Every structure is written in C-alpha cells, then in structure tokens.
PDB file of N, CA and C in Angstrom:
ATOM      1  N   MET A   1       0.854  -1.161   0.000  1.00  0.00           N
ATOM      2  CA  MET A   1       0.000   0.000   0.000  1.00  0.00           C
ATOM      3  C   MET A   1       0.902   1.226   0.000  1.00  0.00           C
ATOM      4  N   ARG A   2       0.845   1.981  -1.042  1.00  0.00           N
ATOM      5  CA  ARG A   2       1.703   3.162  -1.156  1.00  0.00           C
ATOM      6  C   ARG A   2       0.910   4.429  -0.895  1.00  0.00           C
ATOM      7  N   ALA A   3       1.537   5.314  -0.214  1.00  0.00           N
ATOM      8  CA  ALA A   3       0.917   6.608   0.080  1.00  0.00           C
ATOM      9  C   ALA A   3       1.968   7.695  -0.069  1.00  0.00           C
ATOM     10  N   SER A   4       1.506   8.873  -0.396  1.00  0.00           N
ATOM     11  CA  SER A   4       2.369  10.038  -0.530  1.00  0.00           C
ATOM     12  C   SER A   4       1.792  11.165   0.304  1.00  0.00           C
ATOM     13  N   VAL A   5       2.640  12.126   0.608  1.00  0.00           N
ATOM     14  CA  VAL A   5       2.184  13.302   1.344  1.00  0.00           C
ATOM     15  C   VAL A   5       1.055  13.959   0.556  1.00  0.00           C
ATOM     16  N   GLY A   6      -0.013  14.286   1.253  1.00  0.00           N
ATOM     17  CA  GLY A   6      -1.172  14.911   0.625  1.00  0.00           C
ATOM     18  C   GLY A   6      -2.307  13.945   0.327  1.00  0.00           C
ATOM     19  N   ASP A   7      -2.031  12.636   0.332  1.00  0.00           N
ATOM     20  CA  ASP A   7      -3.083  11.652   0.104  1.00  0.00           C
ATOM     21  C   ASP A   7      -4.057  11.641   1.273  1.00  0.00           C
ATOM     22  N   ARG A   8      -5.276  11.225   1.008  1.00  0.00           N
ATOM     23  CA  ARG A   8      -6.302  11.091   2.045  1.00  0.00           C
ATOM     24  C   ARG A   8      -6.319   9.657   2.547  1.00  0.00           C
ATOM     25  N   VAL A   9      -6.527   9.487   3.835  1.00  0.00           N
ATOM     26  CA  VAL A   9      -6.613   8.170   4.460  1.00  0.00           C
ATOM     27  C   VAL A   9      -7.999   8.058   5.083  1.00  0.00           C
ATOM     28  N   ILE A  10      -8.673   6.944   4.795  1.00  0.00           N
ATOM     29  CA  ILE A  10      -9.978   6.650   5.388  1.00  0.00           C
ATOM     30  C   ILE A  10      -9.817   5.344   6.167  1.00  0.00           C
ATOM     31  N   ILE A  11     -10.120   5.385   7.459  1.00  0.00           N
ATOM     32  CA  ILE A  11     -10.081   4.191   8.310  1.00  0.00           C
ATOM     33  C   ILE A  11     -11.531   3.764   8.517  1.00  0.00           C
ATOM     34  N   HIS A  12     -11.884   2.611   7.977  1.00  0.00           N
ATOM     35  CA  HIS A  12     -13.243   2.102   8.098  1.00  0.00           C
ATOM     36  C   HIS A  12     -13.443   1.477   9.476  1.00  0.00           C
ATOM     37  N   GLY A  13     -14.634   1.640  10.040  1.00  0.00           N
ATOM     38  CA  GLY A  13     -14.960   1.056  11.328  1.00  0.00           C
ATOM     39  C   GLY A  13     -14.897  -0.465  11.254  1.00  0.00           C
ATOM     40  N   ARG A  14     -14.396  -1.093  12.293  1.00  0.00           N
ATOM     41  CA  ARG A  14     -14.252  -2.550  12.297  1.00  0.00           C
ATOM     42  C   ARG A  14     -15.520  -3.273  12.709  1.00  0.00           C
ATOM     43  N   THR A  15     -16.415  -2.582  13.383  1.00  0.00           N
ATOM     44  CA  THR A  15     -17.665  -3.198  13.809  1.00  0.00           C
ATOM     45  C   THR A  15     -18.842  -2.365  13.321  1.00  0.00           C
ATOM     46  N   VAL A  16     -19.997  -2.971  13.254  1.00  0.00           N
ATOM     47  CA  VAL A  16     -21.197  -2.274  12.812  1.00  0.00           C
ATOM     48  C   VAL A  16     -21.459  -1.084  13.738  1.00  0.00           C
ATOM     49  N   GLY A  17     -21.689   0.059  13.131  1.00  0.00           N
ATOM     50  CA  GLY A  17     -21.972   1.259  13.905  1.00  0.00           C
ATOM     51  C   GLY A  17     -20.750   2.077  14.271  1.00  0.00           C
ATOM     52  N   SER A  18     -19.555   1.537  14.032  1.00  0.00           N
ATOM     53  CA  SER A  18     -18.324   2.290  14.324  1.00  0.00           C
ATOM     54  C   SER A  18     -18.127   3.380  13.274  1.00  0.00           C
ATOM     55  N   ALA A  19     -17.715   4.525  13.707  1.00  0.00           N
ATOM     56  CA  ALA A  19     -17.503   5.650  12.797  1.00  0.00           C
ATOM     57  C   ALA A  19     -16.208   5.483  12.008  1.00  0.00           C
ATOM     58  N   GLU A  20     -16.207   6.036  10.810  1.00  0.00           N
ATOM     59  CA  GLU A  20     -14.974   6.087  10.026  1.00  0.00           C
ATOM     60  C   GLU A  20     -14.165   7.286  10.481  1.00  0.00           C
ATOM     61  N   ARG A  21     -12.848   7.195  10.268  1.00  0.00           N
ATOM     62  CA  ARG A  21     -11.962   8.331  10.535  1.00  0.00           C
ATOM     63  C   ARG A  21     -11.295   8.696   9.220  1.00  0.00           C
ATOM     64  N   ALA A  22     -11.084   9.963   9.007  1.00  0.00           N
ATOM     65  CA  ALA A  22     -10.453  10.425   7.778  1.00  0.00           C
ATOM     66  C   ALA A  22      -9.395  11.456   8.124  1.00  0.00           C
ATOM     67  N   GLY A  23      -8.357  11.496   7.297  1.00  0.00           N
ATOM     68  CA  GLY A  23      -7.295  12.458   7.508  1.00  0.00           C
ATOM     69  C   GLY A  23      -6.385  12.558   6.308  1.00  0.00           C
ATOM     70  N   GLU A  24      -5.340  13.354   6.456  1.00  0.00           N
ATOM     71  CA  GLU A  24      -4.384  13.608   5.384  1.00  0.00           C
ATOM     72  C   GLU A  24      -3.000  13.129   5.804  1.00  0.00           C
ATOM     73  N   VAL A  25      -2.299  12.480   4.876  1.00  0.00           N
ATOM     74  CA  VAL A  25      -0.930  12.038   5.129  1.00  0.00           C
ATOM     75  C   VAL A  25      -0.034  13.270   5.100  1.00  0.00           C
ATOM     76  N   ILE A  26       0.698  13.496   6.206  1.00  0.00           N
ATOM     77  CA  ILE A  26       1.595  14.651   6.247  1.00  0.00           C
ATOM     78  C   ILE A  26       3.068  14.236   6.214  1.00  0.00           C
ATOM     79  N   GLU A  27       3.334  12.934   6.414  1.00  0.00           N
ATOM     80  CA  GLU A  27       4.707  12.431   6.343  1.00  0.00           C
ATOM     81  C   GLU A  27       4.663  10.920   6.162  1.00  0.00           C
ATOM     82  N   VAL A  28       5.622  10.394   5.382  1.00  0.00           N
ATOM     83  CA  VAL A  28       5.760   8.945   5.210  1.00  0.00           C
ATOM     84  C   VAL A  28       7.091   8.539   5.817  1.00  0.00           C
ATOM     85  N   ARG A  29       7.044   7.592   6.756  1.00  0.00           N
ATOM     86  CA  ARG A  29       8.251   7.094   7.424  1.00  0.00           C
ATOM     87  C   ARG A  29       8.391   5.607   7.148  1.00  0.00           C
ATOM     88  N   GLY A  30       9.521   5.056   7.506  1.00  0.00           N
ATOM     89  CA  GLY A  30       9.720   3.625   7.349  1.00  0.00           C
ATOM     90  C   GLY A  30      10.151   3.263   5.949  1.00  0.00           C
ATOM     91  N   GLN A  31      10.136   1.969   5.681  1.00  0.00           N
ATOM     92  CA  GLN A  31      10.546   1.456   4.386  1.00  0.00           C
ATOM     93  C   GLN A  31       9.328   1.226   3.517  1.00  0.00           C
ATOM     94  N   GLU A  32       9.566   1.064   2.226  1.00  0.00           N
ATOM     95  CA  GLU A  32       8.467   0.922   1.278  1.00  0.00           C
ATOM     96  C   GLU A  32       7.582  -0.283   1.574  1.00  0.00           C
ATOM     97  N   ASP A  33       8.179  -1.377   2.033  1.00  0.00           N
ATOM     98  CA  ASP A  33       7.378  -2.579   2.307  1.00  0.00           C
ATOM     99  C   ASP A  33       6.678  -2.523   3.664  1.00  0.00           C
ATOM    100  N   THR A  34       7.123  -1.660   4.568  1.00  0.00           N
ATOM    101  CA  THR A  34       6.473  -1.491   5.874  1.00  0.00           C
ATOM    102  C   THR A  34       6.362  -0.001   6.203  1.00  0.00           C
ATOM    103  N   PRO A  35       5.488   0.715   5.473  1.00  0.00           N
ATOM    104  CA  PRO A  35       5.396   2.156   5.686  1.00  0.00           C
ATOM    105  C   PRO A  35       4.696   2.512   6.995  1.00  0.00           C
ATOM    106  N   LEU A  36       5.116   3.610   7.551  1.00  0.00           N
ATOM    107  CA  LEU A  36       4.424   4.234   8.672  1.00  0.00           C
ATOM    108  C   LEU A  36       4.021   5.616   8.188  1.00  0.00           C
ATOM    109  N   LEU A  37       2.767   5.950   8.368  1.00  0.00           N
ATOM    110  CA  LEU A  37       2.251   7.224   7.887  1.00  0.00           C
ATOM    111  C   LEU A  37       1.941   8.128   9.063  1.00  0.00           C
ATOM    112  N   VAL A  38       2.385   9.358   8.978  1.00  0.00           N
ATOM    113  CA  VAL A  38       1.975  10.361   9.960  1.00  0.00           C
ATOM    114  C   VAL A  38       0.745  11.022   9.361  1.00  0.00           C
ATOM    115  N   VAL A  39      -0.374  10.900  10.080  1.00  0.00           N
ATOM    116  CA  VAL A  39      -1.666  11.359   9.566  1.00  0.00           C
ATOM    117  C   VAL A  39      -2.219  12.447  10.472  1.00  0.00           C
ATOM    118  N   ARG A  40      -2.719  13.518   9.851  1.00  0.00           N
ATOM    119  CA  ARG A  40      -3.459  14.546  10.586  1.00  0.00           C
ATOM    120  C   ARG A  40      -4.928  14.303  10.269  1.00  0.00           C
ATOM    121  N   TYR A  41      -5.654  13.807  11.275  1.00  0.00           N
ATOM    122  CA  TYR A  41      -7.068  13.512  11.097  1.00  0.00           C
ATOM    123  C   TYR A  41      -7.870  14.799  11.025  1.00  0.00           C
ATOM    124  N   ASP A  42      -9.071  14.689  10.479  1.00  0.00           N
ATOM    125  CA  ASP A  42      -9.923  15.867  10.273  1.00  0.00           C
ATOM    126  C   ASP A  42     -10.269  16.590  11.574  1.00  0.00           C
ATOM    127  N   ASP A  43     -10.184  15.890  12.711  1.00  0.00           N
ATOM    128  CA  ASP A  43     -10.465  16.539  14.005  1.00  0.00           C
ATOM    129  C   ASP A  43      -9.232  17.239  14.572  1.00  0.00           C
ATOM    130  N   GLY A  44      -8.099  17.237  13.813  1.00  0.00           N
ATOM    131  CA  GLY A  44      -6.880  17.922  14.237  1.00  0.00           C
ATOM    132  C   GLY A  44      -5.868  17.029  14.932  1.00  0.00           C
ATOM    133  N   HIS A  45      -6.272  15.828  15.329  1.00  0.00           N
ATOM    134  CA  HIS A  45      -5.380  14.882  16.007  1.00  0.00           C
ATOM    135  C   HIS A  45      -4.359  14.335  15.013  1.00  0.00           C
ATOM    136  N   GLU A  46      -3.111  14.188  15.440  1.00  0.00           N
ATOM    137  CA  GLU A  46      -2.067  13.593  14.608  1.00  0.00           C
ATOM    138  C   GLU A  46      -1.622  12.283  15.224  1.00  0.00           C
ATOM    139  N   ALA A  47      -1.352  11.280  14.360  1.00  0.00           N
ATOM    140  CA  ALA A  47      -0.934   9.972  14.839  1.00  0.00           C
ATOM    141  C   ALA A  47      -0.107   9.275  13.775  1.00  0.00           C
ATOM    142  N   ILE A  48       0.672   8.292  14.220  1.00  0.00           N
ATOM    143  CA  ILE A  48       1.415   7.432  13.303  1.00  0.00           C
ATOM    144  C   ILE A  48       0.546   6.221  13.023  1.00  0.00           C
ATOM    145  N   LEU A  49       0.382   5.901  11.744  1.00  0.00           N
ATOM    146  CA  LEU A  49      -0.508   4.836  11.316  1.00  0.00           C
ATOM    147  C   LEU A  49       0.270   3.792  10.532  1.00  0.00           C
ATOM    148  N   SER A  50       0.083   2.542  10.878  1.00  0.00           N
ATOM    149  CA  SER A  50       0.578   1.425  10.081  1.00  0.00           C
ATOM    150  C   SER A  50      -0.634   0.898   9.325  1.00  0.00           C
ATOM    151  N   PRO A  51      -0.747   1.163   8.017  1.00  0.00           N
ATOM    152  CA  PRO A  51      -1.963   0.829   7.281  1.00  0.00           C
ATOM    153  C   PRO A  51      -2.276  -0.670   7.323  1.00  0.00           C
ATOM    154  N   GLY A  52      -3.544  -0.974   7.519  1.00  0.00           N
ATOM    155  CA  GLY A  52      -3.999  -2.358   7.548  1.00  0.00           C
ATOM    156  C   GLY A  52      -5.155  -2.556   6.592  1.00  0.00           C
ATOM    157  N   SER A  53      -5.853  -3.660   6.744  1.00  0.00           N
ATOM    158  CA  SER A  53      -6.937  -4.007   5.823  1.00  0.00           C
ATOM    159  C   SER A  53      -8.140  -3.080   5.946  1.00  0.00           C
ATOM    160  N   ASP A  54      -8.261  -2.361   7.052  1.00  0.00           N
ATOM    161  CA  ASP A  54      -9.382  -1.442   7.239  1.00  0.00           C
ATOM    162  C   ASP A  54      -9.062  -0.027   6.761  1.00  0.00           C
ATOM    163  N   CYS A  55      -7.914   0.133   6.122  1.00  0.00           N
ATOM    164  CA  CYS A  55      -7.424   1.446   5.701  1.00  0.00           C
ATOM    165  C   CYS A  55      -7.534   1.591   4.182  1.00  0.00           C
ATOM    166  N   GLU A  56      -8.072   2.720   3.747  1.00  0.00           N
ATOM    167  CA  GLU A  56      -8.171   3.036   2.320  1.00  0.00           C
ATOM    168  C   GLU A  56      -7.381   4.312   2.073  1.00  0.00           C
ATOM    169  N   ILE A  57      -6.552   4.292   1.032  1.00  0.00           N
ATOM    170  CA  ILE A  57      -5.782   5.488   0.678  1.00  0.00           C
ATOM    171  C   ILE A  57      -6.317   6.029  -0.637  1.00  0.00           C
ATOM    172  N   ARG A  58      -6.696   7.288  -0.614  1.00  0.00           N
ATOM    173  CA  ARG A  58      -7.173   7.962  -1.814  1.00  0.00           C
ATOM    174  C   ARG A  58      -6.096   8.934  -2.247  1.00  0.00           C
ATOM    175  N   HIS A  59      -5.533   8.655  -3.408  1.00  0.00           N
ATOM    176  CA  HIS A  59      -4.411   9.450  -3.891  1.00  0.00           C
ATOM    177  C   HIS A  59      -4.875  10.819  -4.356  1.00  0.00           C
ATOM    178  N   GLU A  60      -4.036  11.792  -4.065  1.00  0.00           N
ATOM    179  CA  GLU A  60      -4.316  13.169  -4.455  1.00  0.00           C
ATOM    180  C   GLU A  60      -4.336  13.238  -5.977  1.00  0.00           C
ATOM    181  N   THR A  61      -5.306  13.945  -6.513  1.00  0.00           N
ATOM    182  CA  THR A  61      -5.399  14.059  -7.981  1.00  0.00           C
ATOM    183  C   THR A  61      -4.964  15.411  -8.449  1.00  0.00           C
TER     184      THR A  61
END
C-alpha cells in the first residue's frame, strides 16, 4: 500500500456502527514494504498509522 504526502486516508470502522476516521498524510516514514504514515485527522489529532486491511488510501489528484 503506497501513500504520498497529501493523500487522504480513510479508516473504516471494524464493527457495525463504528464511525470512520479520515485524515491527510503529512509524512511517510519507514521502508516501502512497511510504511508508517503520519496522519493529521480531520479533528486535528495527529498519529502514526501502520496501514492495515481497514485502511483506504485515496491518492491526491
């Protein structure tokens, strides 16, 4: 899963009724095969994310 600075990240809820989280990639760390993304979520919170199966990356157009 490749991501670049400026891409949007959507984290889908794992259980029924769980809210999705969305944010913007502000930094890519780690190696290409095991990326760590620094994400600024829409609520202003920043976190390091290791993308998994519940993560969707929408590339900046």
